[in-house]
Amino acid sequence: MLKYLFDETQPLRDFDGQPISTQDFALFYNIHELPSFAFVDGDGREIAAPLVNNGAYEFFSHILNRHIEQAIAQIESDS
């Protein structure tokens, strides 16, 4: 799990070990709203649909669990 802030000035490391700005990382995973979750495998490949803030905070834990289950199922099917 990786947490980052858009206003961070320190570059991240991408999945190839190369430096990448937080803005470029967000663009790569099509993140435009906060908070957002990108579900990727160890190679940086998207394995579940992104979870974007939709204002349904009372259902957030259920929605997050559903996305995590989708990501786990994708990893298991790739194995």
PDB file of N, CA and C in Angstrom:
ATOM      1  N   MET A   1       0.857  -1.165   0.000  1.00  0.00           N
ATOM      2  CA  MET A   1       0.000   0.000   0.000  1.00  0.00           C
ATOM      3  C   MET A   1       0.900   1.223   0.000  1.00  0.00           C
ATOM      4  N   LEU A   2       0.508   2.189  -0.811  1.00  0.00           N
ATOM      5  CA  LEU A   2       1.282   3.418  -0.937  1.00  0.00           C
ATOM      6  C   LEU A   2       0.355   4.599  -0.753  1.00  0.00           C
ATOM      7  N   LYS A   3       0.756   5.519   0.087  1.00  0.00           N
ATOM      8  CA  LYS A   3      -0.006   6.751   0.270  1.00  0.00           C
ATOM      9  C   LYS A   3       0.890   7.892  -0.170  1.00  0.00           C
ATOM     10  N   TYR A   4       0.323   8.784  -0.964  1.00  0.00           N
ATOM     11  CA  TYR A   4       1.099   9.956  -1.323  1.00  0.00           C
ATOM     12  C   TYR A   4       0.196  11.169  -1.399  1.00  0.00           C
ATOM     13  N   LEU A   5       0.805  12.335  -1.329  1.00  0.00           N
ATOM     14  CA  LEU A   5       0.088  13.602  -1.387  1.00  0.00           C
ATOM     15  C   LEU A   5       0.470  14.300  -2.685  1.00  0.00           C
ATOM     16  N   PHE A   6      -0.513  14.908  -3.333  1.00  0.00           N
ATOM     17  CA  PHE A   6      -0.238  15.574  -4.596  1.00  0.00           C
ATOM     18  C   PHE A   6       0.752  16.726  -4.456  1.00  0.00           C
ATOM     19  N   ASP A   7       0.804  17.341  -3.307  1.00  0.00           N
ATOM     20  CA  ASP A   7       1.704  18.472  -3.140  1.00  0.00           C
ATOM     21  C   ASP A   7       3.106  18.072  -2.668  1.00  0.00           C
ATOM     22  N   GLU A   8       3.389  16.774  -2.620  1.00  0.00           N
ATOM     23  CA  GLU A   8       4.737  16.304  -2.266  1.00  0.00           C
ATOM     24  C   GLU A   8       5.731  16.752  -3.337  1.00  0.00           C
ATOM     25  N   THR A   9       6.894  17.167  -2.914  1.00  0.00           N
ATOM     26  CA  THR A   9       7.919  17.564  -3.878  1.00  0.00           C
ATOM     27  C   THR A   9       8.928  16.447  -4.115  1.00  0.00           C
ATOM     28  N   GLN A  10       9.022  15.494  -3.196  1.00  0.00           N
ATOM     29  CA  GLN A  10       9.933  14.367  -3.365  1.00  0.00           C
ATOM     30  C   GLN A  10       9.347  13.402  -4.396  1.00  0.00           C
ATOM     31  N   PRO A  11      10.157  12.987  -5.372  1.00  0.00           N
ATOM     32  CA  PRO A  11       9.628  12.033  -6.350  1.00  0.00           C
ATOM     33  C   PRO A  11       9.421  10.654  -5.733  1.00  0.00           C
ATOM     34  N   LEU A  12       8.472   9.932  -6.291  1.00  0.00           N
ATOM     35  CA  LEU A  12       8.245   8.535  -5.930  1.00  0.00           C
ATOM     36  C   LEU A  12       9.159   7.676  -6.778  1.00  0.00           C
ATOM     37  N   ARG A  13       9.179   6.404  -6.516  1.00  0.00           N
ATOM     38  CA  ARG A  13       9.836   5.434  -7.395  1.00  0.00           C
ATOM     39  C   ARG A  13       8.748   4.659  -8.099  1.00  0.00           C
ATOM     40  N   ASP A  14       8.839   4.571  -9.432  1.00  0.00           N
ATOM     41  CA  ASP A  14       7.836   3.784 -10.142  1.00  0.00           C
ATOM     42  C   ASP A  14       8.168   2.307  -9.995  1.00  0.00           C
ATOM     43  N   PHE A  15       7.418   1.457 -10.672  1.00  0.00           N
ATOM     44  CA  PHE A  15       7.590   0.017 -10.505  1.00  0.00           C
ATOM     45  C   PHE A  15       8.831  -0.520 -11.207  1.00  0.00           C
ATOM     46  N   ASP A  16       9.526   0.352 -11.959  1.00  0.00           N
ATOM     47  CA  ASP A  16      10.816  -0.001 -12.538  1.00  0.00           C
ATOM     48  C   ASP A  16      11.969   0.596 -11.741  1.00  0.00           C
ATOM     49  N   GLY A  17      11.644   1.245 -10.617  1.00  0.00           N
ATOM     50  CA  GLY A  17      12.666   1.840  -9.763  1.00  0.00           C
ATOM     51  C   GLY A  17      13.105   3.230 -10.191  1.00  0.00           C
ATOM     52  N   GLN A  18      12.419   3.800 -11.171  1.00  0.00           N
ATOM     53  CA  GLN A  18      12.781   5.124 -11.669  1.00  0.00           C
ATOM     54  C   GLN A  18      11.995   6.208 -10.922  1.00  0.00           C
ATOM     55  N   PRO A  19      12.606   7.379 -10.724  1.00  0.00           N
ATOM     56  CA  PRO A  19      11.870   8.451 -10.052  1.00  0.00           C
ATOM     57  C   PRO A  19      10.717   8.942 -10.924  1.00  0.00           C
ATOM     58  N   ILE A  20       9.592   9.268 -10.275  1.00  0.00           N
ATOM     59  CA  ILE A  20       8.421   9.805 -10.965  1.00  0.00           C
ATOM     60  C   ILE A  20       7.745  10.782 -10.027  1.00  0.00           C
ATOM     61  N   SER A  21       7.278  11.899 -10.554  1.00  0.00           N
ATOM     62  CA  SER A  21       6.603  12.874  -9.701  1.00  0.00           C
ATOM     63  C   SER A  21       5.239  12.328  -9.285  1.00  0.00           C
ATOM     64  N   THR A  22       4.731  12.845  -8.187  1.00  0.00           N
ATOM     65  CA  THR A  22       3.408  12.411  -7.743  1.00  0.00           C
ATOM     66  C   THR A  22       2.354  12.782  -8.782  1.00  0.00           C
ATOM     67  N   GLN A  23       2.537  13.926  -9.450  1.00  0.00           N
ATOM     68  CA  GLN A  23       1.584  14.338 -10.474  1.00  0.00           C
ATOM     69  C   GLN A  23       1.594  13.369 -11.653  1.00  0.00           C
ATOM     70  N   ASP A  24       2.775  12.937 -12.097  1.00  0.00           N
ATOM     71  CA  ASP A  24       2.858  11.985 -13.204  1.00  0.00           C
ATOM     72  C   ASP A  24       2.304  10.616 -12.797  1.00  0.00           C
ATOM     73  N   PHE A  25       2.550  10.236 -11.559  1.00  0.00           N
ATOM     74  CA  PHE A  25       2.007   8.977 -11.055  1.00  0.00           C
ATOM     75  C   PHE A  25       0.481   9.023 -11.093  1.00  0.00           C
ATOM     76  N   ALA A  26      -0.094  10.122 -10.625  1.00  0.00           N
ATOM     77  CA  ALA A  26      -1.550  10.283 -10.632  1.00  0.00           C
ATOM     78  C   ALA A  26      -2.093  10.266 -12.055  1.00  0.00           C
ATOM     79  N   LEU A  27      -1.417  10.928 -12.973  1.00  0.00           N
ATOM     80  CA  LEU A  27      -1.861  10.933 -14.368  1.00  0.00           C
ATOM     81  C   LEU A  27      -1.799   9.533 -14.966  1.00  0.00           C
ATOM     82  N   PHE A  28      -0.757   8.791 -14.651  1.00  0.00           N
ATOM     83  CA  PHE A  28      -0.598   7.442 -15.192  1.00  0.00           C
ATOM     84  C   PHE A  28      -1.762   6.546 -14.781  1.00  0.00           C
ATOM     85  N   TYR A  29      -2.210   6.688 -13.532  1.00  0.00           N
ATOM     86  CA  TYR A  29      -3.313   5.868 -13.035  1.00  0.00           C
ATOM     87  C   TYR A  29      -4.661   6.582 -13.110  1.00  0.00           C
ATOM     88  N   ASN A  30      -4.701   7.707 -13.835  1.00  0.00           N
ATOM     89  CA  ASN A  30      -5.938   8.438 -14.097  1.00  0.00           C
ATOM     90  C   ASN A  30      -6.642   8.857 -12.808  1.00  0.00           C
ATOM     91  N   ILE A  31      -5.869   9.356 -11.860  1.00  0.00           N
ATOM     92  CA  ILE A  31      -6.403   9.829 -10.581  1.00  0.00           C
ATOM     93  C   ILE A  31      -6.588  11.340 -10.675  1.00  0.00           C
ATOM     94  N   HIS A  32      -7.856  11.770 -10.506  1.00  0.00           N
ATOM     95  CA  HIS A  32      -8.177  13.190 -10.636  1.00  0.00           C
ATOM     96  C   HIS A  32      -8.854  13.757  -9.403  1.00  0.00           C
ATOM     97  N   GLU A  33      -9.310  12.901  -8.519  1.00  0.00           N
ATOM     98  CA  GLU A  33     -10.005  13.344  -7.311  1.00  0.00           C
ATOM     99  C   GLU A  33      -9.370  12.678  -6.101  1.00  0.00           C
ATOM    100  N   LEU A  34      -9.545  13.345  -4.959  1.00  0.00           N
ATOM    101  CA  LEU A  34      -9.009  12.789  -3.723  1.00  0.00           C
ATOM    102  C   LEU A  34     -10.130  12.596  -2.725  1.00  0.00           C
ATOM    103  N   PRO A  35     -10.119  11.598  -1.926  1.00  0.00           N
ATOM    104  CA  PRO A  35      -9.155  10.488  -1.984  1.00  0.00           C
ATOM    105  C   PRO A  35      -9.497   9.517  -3.103  1.00  0.00           C
ATOM    106  N   SER A  36      -8.482   8.869  -3.615  1.00  0.00           N
ATOM    107  CA  SER A  36      -8.641   7.834  -4.638  1.00  0.00           C
ATOM    108  C   SER A  36      -7.728   6.675  -4.299  1.00  0.00           C
ATOM    109  N   PHE A  37      -8.126   5.489  -4.734  1.00  0.00           N
ATOM    110  CA  PHE A  37      -7.332   4.291  -4.538  1.00  0.00           C
ATOM    111  C   PHE A  37      -7.091   3.646  -5.888  1.00  0.00           C
ATOM    112  N   ALA A  38      -5.840   3.333  -6.180  1.00  0.00           N
ATOM    113  CA  ALA A  38      -5.493   2.580  -7.390  1.00  0.00           C
ATOM    114  C   ALA A  38      -5.066   1.192  -6.922  1.00  0.00           C
ATOM    115  N   PHE A  39      -5.594   0.168  -7.545  1.00  0.00           N
ATOM    116  CA  PHE A  39      -5.286  -1.216  -7.174  1.00  0.00           C
ATOM    117  C   PHE A  39      -4.390  -1.796  -8.253  1.00  0.00           C
ATOM    118  N   VAL A  40      -3.129  -2.017  -7.895  1.00  0.00           N
ATOM    119  CA  VAL A  40      -2.143  -2.500  -8.859  1.00  0.00           C
ATOM    120  C   VAL A  40      -1.389  -3.683  -8.277  1.00  0.00           C
ATOM    121  N   ASP A  41      -0.817  -4.500  -9.171  1.00  0.00           N
ATOM    122  CA  ASP A  41       0.000  -5.613  -8.695  1.00  0.00           C
ATOM    123  C   ASP A  41       1.441  -5.133  -8.499  1.00  0.00           C
ATOM    124  N   GLY A  42       2.339  -6.031  -8.192  1.00  0.00           N
ATOM    125  CA  GLY A  42       3.728  -5.690  -7.916  1.00  0.00           C
ATOM    126  C   GLY A  42       4.482  -5.134  -9.108  1.00  0.00           C
ATOM    127  N   ASP A  43       3.901  -5.269 -10.300  1.00  0.00           N
ATOM    128  CA  ASP A  43       4.509  -4.716 -11.513  1.00  0.00           C
ATOM    129  C   ASP A  43       3.869  -3.402 -11.927  1.00  0.00           C
ATOM    130  N   GLY A  44       2.893  -2.932 -11.144  1.00  0.00           N
ATOM    131  CA  GLY A  44       2.235  -1.674 -11.452  1.00  0.00           C
ATOM    132  C   GLY A  44       1.056  -1.810 -12.394  1.00  0.00           C
ATOM    133  N   ARG A  45       0.655  -3.026 -12.721  1.00  0.00           N
ATOM    134  CA  ARG A  45      -0.467  -3.257 -13.627  1.00  0.00           C
ATOM    135  C   ARG A  45      -1.769  -3.155 -12.841  1.00  0.00           C
ATOM    136  N   GLU A  46      -2.721  -2.398 -13.366  1.00  0.00           N
ATOM    137  CA  GLU A  46      -4.002  -2.227 -12.683  1.00  0.00           C
ATOM    138  C   GLU A  46      -4.737  -3.564 -12.615  1.00  0.00           C
ATOM    139  N   ILE A  47      -5.215  -3.928 -11.415  1.00  0.00           N
ATOM    140  CA  ILE A  47      -5.876  -5.225 -11.236  1.00  0.00           C
ATOM    141  C   ILE A  47      -7.316  -5.098 -10.754  1.00  0.00           C
ATOM    142  N   ALA A  48      -7.770  -3.902 -10.501  1.00  0.00           N
ATOM    143  CA  ALA A  48      -9.164  -3.644 -10.144  1.00  0.00           C
ATOM    144  C   ALA A  48      -9.457  -2.197 -10.503  1.00  0.00           C
ATOM    145  N   ALA A  49     -10.723  -1.909 -10.679  1.00  0.00           N
ATOM    146  CA  ALA A  49     -11.116  -0.538 -11.014  1.00  0.00           C
ATOM    147  C   ALA A  49     -10.701   0.409  -9.898  1.00  0.00           C
ATOM    148  N   PRO A  50     -10.279   1.611 -10.249  1.00  0.00           N
ATOM    149  CA  PRO A  50      -9.925   2.582  -9.205  1.00  0.00           C
ATOM    150  C   PRO A  50     -11.140   2.924  -8.353  1.00  0.00           C
ATOM    151  N   LEU A  51     -10.893   3.269  -7.141  1.00  0.00           N
ATOM    152  CA  LEU A  51     -11.939   3.706  -6.221  1.00  0.00           C
ATOM    153  C   LEU A  51     -11.741   5.203  -6.017  1.00  0.00           C
ATOM    154  N   VAL A  52     -12.738   5.964  -6.436  1.00  0.00           N
ATOM    155  CA  VAL A  52     -12.654   7.426  -6.389  1.00  0.00           C
ATOM    156  C   VAL A  52     -13.687   7.940  -5.403  1.00  0.00           C
ATOM    157  N   ASN A  53     -13.341   8.999  -4.709  1.00  0.00           N
ATOM    158  CA  ASN A  53     -14.253   9.622  -3.759  1.00  0.00           C
ATOM    159  C   ASN A  53     -15.577   9.923  -4.452  1.00  0.00           C
ATOM    160  N   ASN A  54     -16.657   9.335  -3.951  1.00  0.00           N
ATOM    161  CA  ASN A  54     -17.970   9.598  -4.532  1.00  0.00           C
ATOM    162  C   ASN A  54     -18.941  10.192  -3.509  1.00  0.00           C
ATOM    163  N   GLY A  55     -18.442  10.509  -2.330  1.00  0.00           N
ATOM    164  CA  GLY A  55     -19.268  11.132  -1.306  1.00  0.00           C
ATOM    165  C   GLY A  55     -20.138  10.168  -0.507  1.00  0.00           C
ATOM    166  N   ALA A  56     -20.130   8.883  -0.833  1.00  0.00           N
ATOM    167  CA  ALA A  56     -20.952   7.896  -0.118  1.00  0.00           C
ATOM    168  C   ALA A  56     -20.170   7.345   1.066  1.00  0.00           C
ATOM    169  N   TYR A  57     -19.873   8.205   2.020  1.00  0.00           N
ATOM    170  CA  TYR A  57     -18.989   7.825   3.117  1.00  0.00           C
ATOM    171  C   TYR A  57     -19.567   6.724   3.992  1.00  0.00           C
ATOM    172  N   GLU A  58     -20.887   6.647   4.123  1.00  0.00           N
ATOM    173  CA  GLU A  58     -21.483   5.608   4.956  1.00  0.00           C
ATOM    174  C   GLU A  58     -21.309   4.226   4.336  1.00  0.00           C
ATOM    175  N   PHE A  59     -21.050   4.159   3.022  1.00  0.00           N
ATOM    176  CA  PHE A  59     -20.860   2.885   2.346  1.00  0.00           C
ATOM    177  C   PHE A  59     -19.394   2.629   1.983  1.00  0.00           C
ATOM    178  N   PHE A  60     -18.510   3.539   2.386  1.00  0.00           N
ATOM    179  CA  PHE A  60     -17.135   3.474   1.915  1.00  0.00           C
ATOM    180  C   PHE A  60     -16.442   2.167   2.267  1.00  0.00           C
ATOM    181  N   SER A  61     -16.591   1.686   3.487  1.00  0.00           N
ATOM    182  CA  SER A  61     -15.891   0.450   3.872  1.00  0.00           C
ATOM    183  C   SER A  61     -16.375  -0.723   3.030  1.00  0.00           C
ATOM    184  N   HIS A  62     -17.656  -0.787   2.739  1.00  0.00           N
ATOM    185  CA  HIS A  62     -18.187  -1.859   1.887  1.00  0.00           C
ATOM    186  C   HIS A  62     -17.618  -1.754   0.469  1.00  0.00           C
ATOM    187  N   ILE A  63     -17.604  -0.553  -0.072  1.00  0.00           N
ATOM    188  CA  ILE A  63     -17.088  -0.346  -1.433  1.00  0.00           C
ATOM    189  C   ILE A  63     -15.607  -0.673  -1.482  1.00  0.00           C
ATOM    190  N   LEU A  64     -14.840  -0.232  -0.498  1.00  0.00           N
ATOM    191  CA  LEU A  64     -13.409  -0.525  -0.454  1.00  0.00           C
ATOM    192  C   LEU A  64     -13.171  -2.027  -0.378  1.00  0.00           C
ATOM    193  N   ASN A  65     -13.917  -2.726   0.488  1.00  0.00           N
ATOM    194  CA  ASN A  65     -13.757  -4.187   0.587  1.00  0.00           C
ATOM    195  C   ASN A  65     -14.055  -4.876  -0.732  1.00  0.00           C
ATOM    196  N   ARG A  66     -15.071  -4.418  -1.453  1.00  0.00           N
ATOM    197  CA  ARG A  66     -15.409  -5.011  -2.747  1.00  0.00           C
ATOM    198  C   ARG A  66     -14.265  -4.840  -3.747  1.00  0.00           C
ATOM    199  N   HIS A  67     -13.646  -3.675  -3.772  1.00  0.00           N
ATOM    200  CA  HIS A  67     -12.516  -3.435  -4.667  1.00  0.00           C
ATOM    201  C   HIS A  67     -11.313  -4.296  -4.278  1.00  0.00           C
ATOM    202  N   ILE A  68     -11.065  -4.427  -3.003  1.00  0.00           N
ATOM    203  CA  ILE A  68      -9.958  -5.277  -2.543  1.00  0.00           C
ATOM    204  C   ILE A  68     -10.212  -6.720  -2.944  1.00  0.00           C
ATOM    205  N   GLU A  69     -11.438  -7.194  -2.792  1.00  0.00           N
ATOM    206  CA  GLU A  69     -11.768  -8.561  -3.196  1.00  0.00           C
ATOM    207  C   GLU A  69     -11.557  -8.758  -4.696  1.00  0.00           C
ATOM    208  N   GLN A  70     -11.922  -7.770  -5.514  1.00  0.00           N
ATOM    209  CA  GLN A  70     -11.692  -7.844  -6.958  1.00  0.00           C
ATOM    210  C   GLN A  70     -10.203  -7.920  -7.265  1.00  0.00           C
ATOM    211  N   ALA A  71      -9.410  -7.123  -6.561  1.00  0.00           N
ATOM    212  CA  ALA A  71      -7.961  -7.124  -6.782  1.00  0.00           C
ATOM    213  C   ALA A  71      -7.362  -8.472  -6.399  1.00  0.00           C
ATOM    214  N   ILE A  72      -7.770  -9.031  -5.286  1.00  0.00           N
ATOM    215  CA  ILE A  72      -7.268 -10.335  -4.861  1.00  0.00           C
ATOM    216  C   ILE A  72      -7.663 -11.405  -5.855  1.00  0.00           C
ATOM    217  N   ALA A  73      -8.905 -11.381  -6.337  1.00  0.00           N
ATOM    218  CA  ALA A  73      -9.354 -12.361  -7.326  1.00  0.00           C
ATOM    219  C   ALA A  73      -8.524 -12.264  -8.603  1.00  0.00           C
ATOM    220  N   GLN A  74      -8.187 -11.060  -9.017  1.00  0.00           N
ATOM    221  CA  GLN A  74      -7.376 -10.880 -10.222  1.00  0.00           C
ATOM    222  C   GLN A  74      -5.979 -11.439 -10.016  1.00  0.00           C
ATOM    223  N   ILE A  75      -5.393 -11.181  -8.864  1.00  0.00           N
ATOM    224  CA  ILE A  75      -4.052 -11.708  -8.570  1.00  0.00           C
ATOM    225  C   ILE A  75      -4.089 -13.225  -8.574  1.00  0.00           C
ATOM    226  N   GLU A  76      -5.115 -13.808  -7.955  1.00  0.00           N
ATOM    227  CA  GLU A  76      -5.221 -15.265  -7.909  1.00  0.00           C
ATOM    228  C   GLU A  76      -5.429 -15.858  -9.301  1.00  0.00           C
ATOM    229  N   SER A  77      -6.183 -15.190 -10.154  1.00  0.00           N
ATOM    230  CA  SER A  77      -6.408 -15.727 -11.506  1.00  0.00           C
ATOM    231  C   SER A  77      -5.165 -15.586 -12.375  1.00  0.00           C
ATOM    232  N   ASP A  78      -4.296 -14.631 -12.058  1.00  0.00           N
ATOM    233  CA  ASP A  78      -3.047 -14.451 -12.803  1.00  0.00           C
ATOM    234  C   ASP A  78      -1.979 -15.441 -12.383  1.00  0.00           C
ATOM    235  N   SER A  79      -2.164 -16.079 -11.221  1.00  0.00           N
ATOM    236  CA  SER A  79      -1.142 -16.999 -10.686  1.00  0.00           C
ATOM    237  C   SER A  79      -1.163 -18.321 -11.394  1.00  0.00           C
TER     238      SER A  79
END
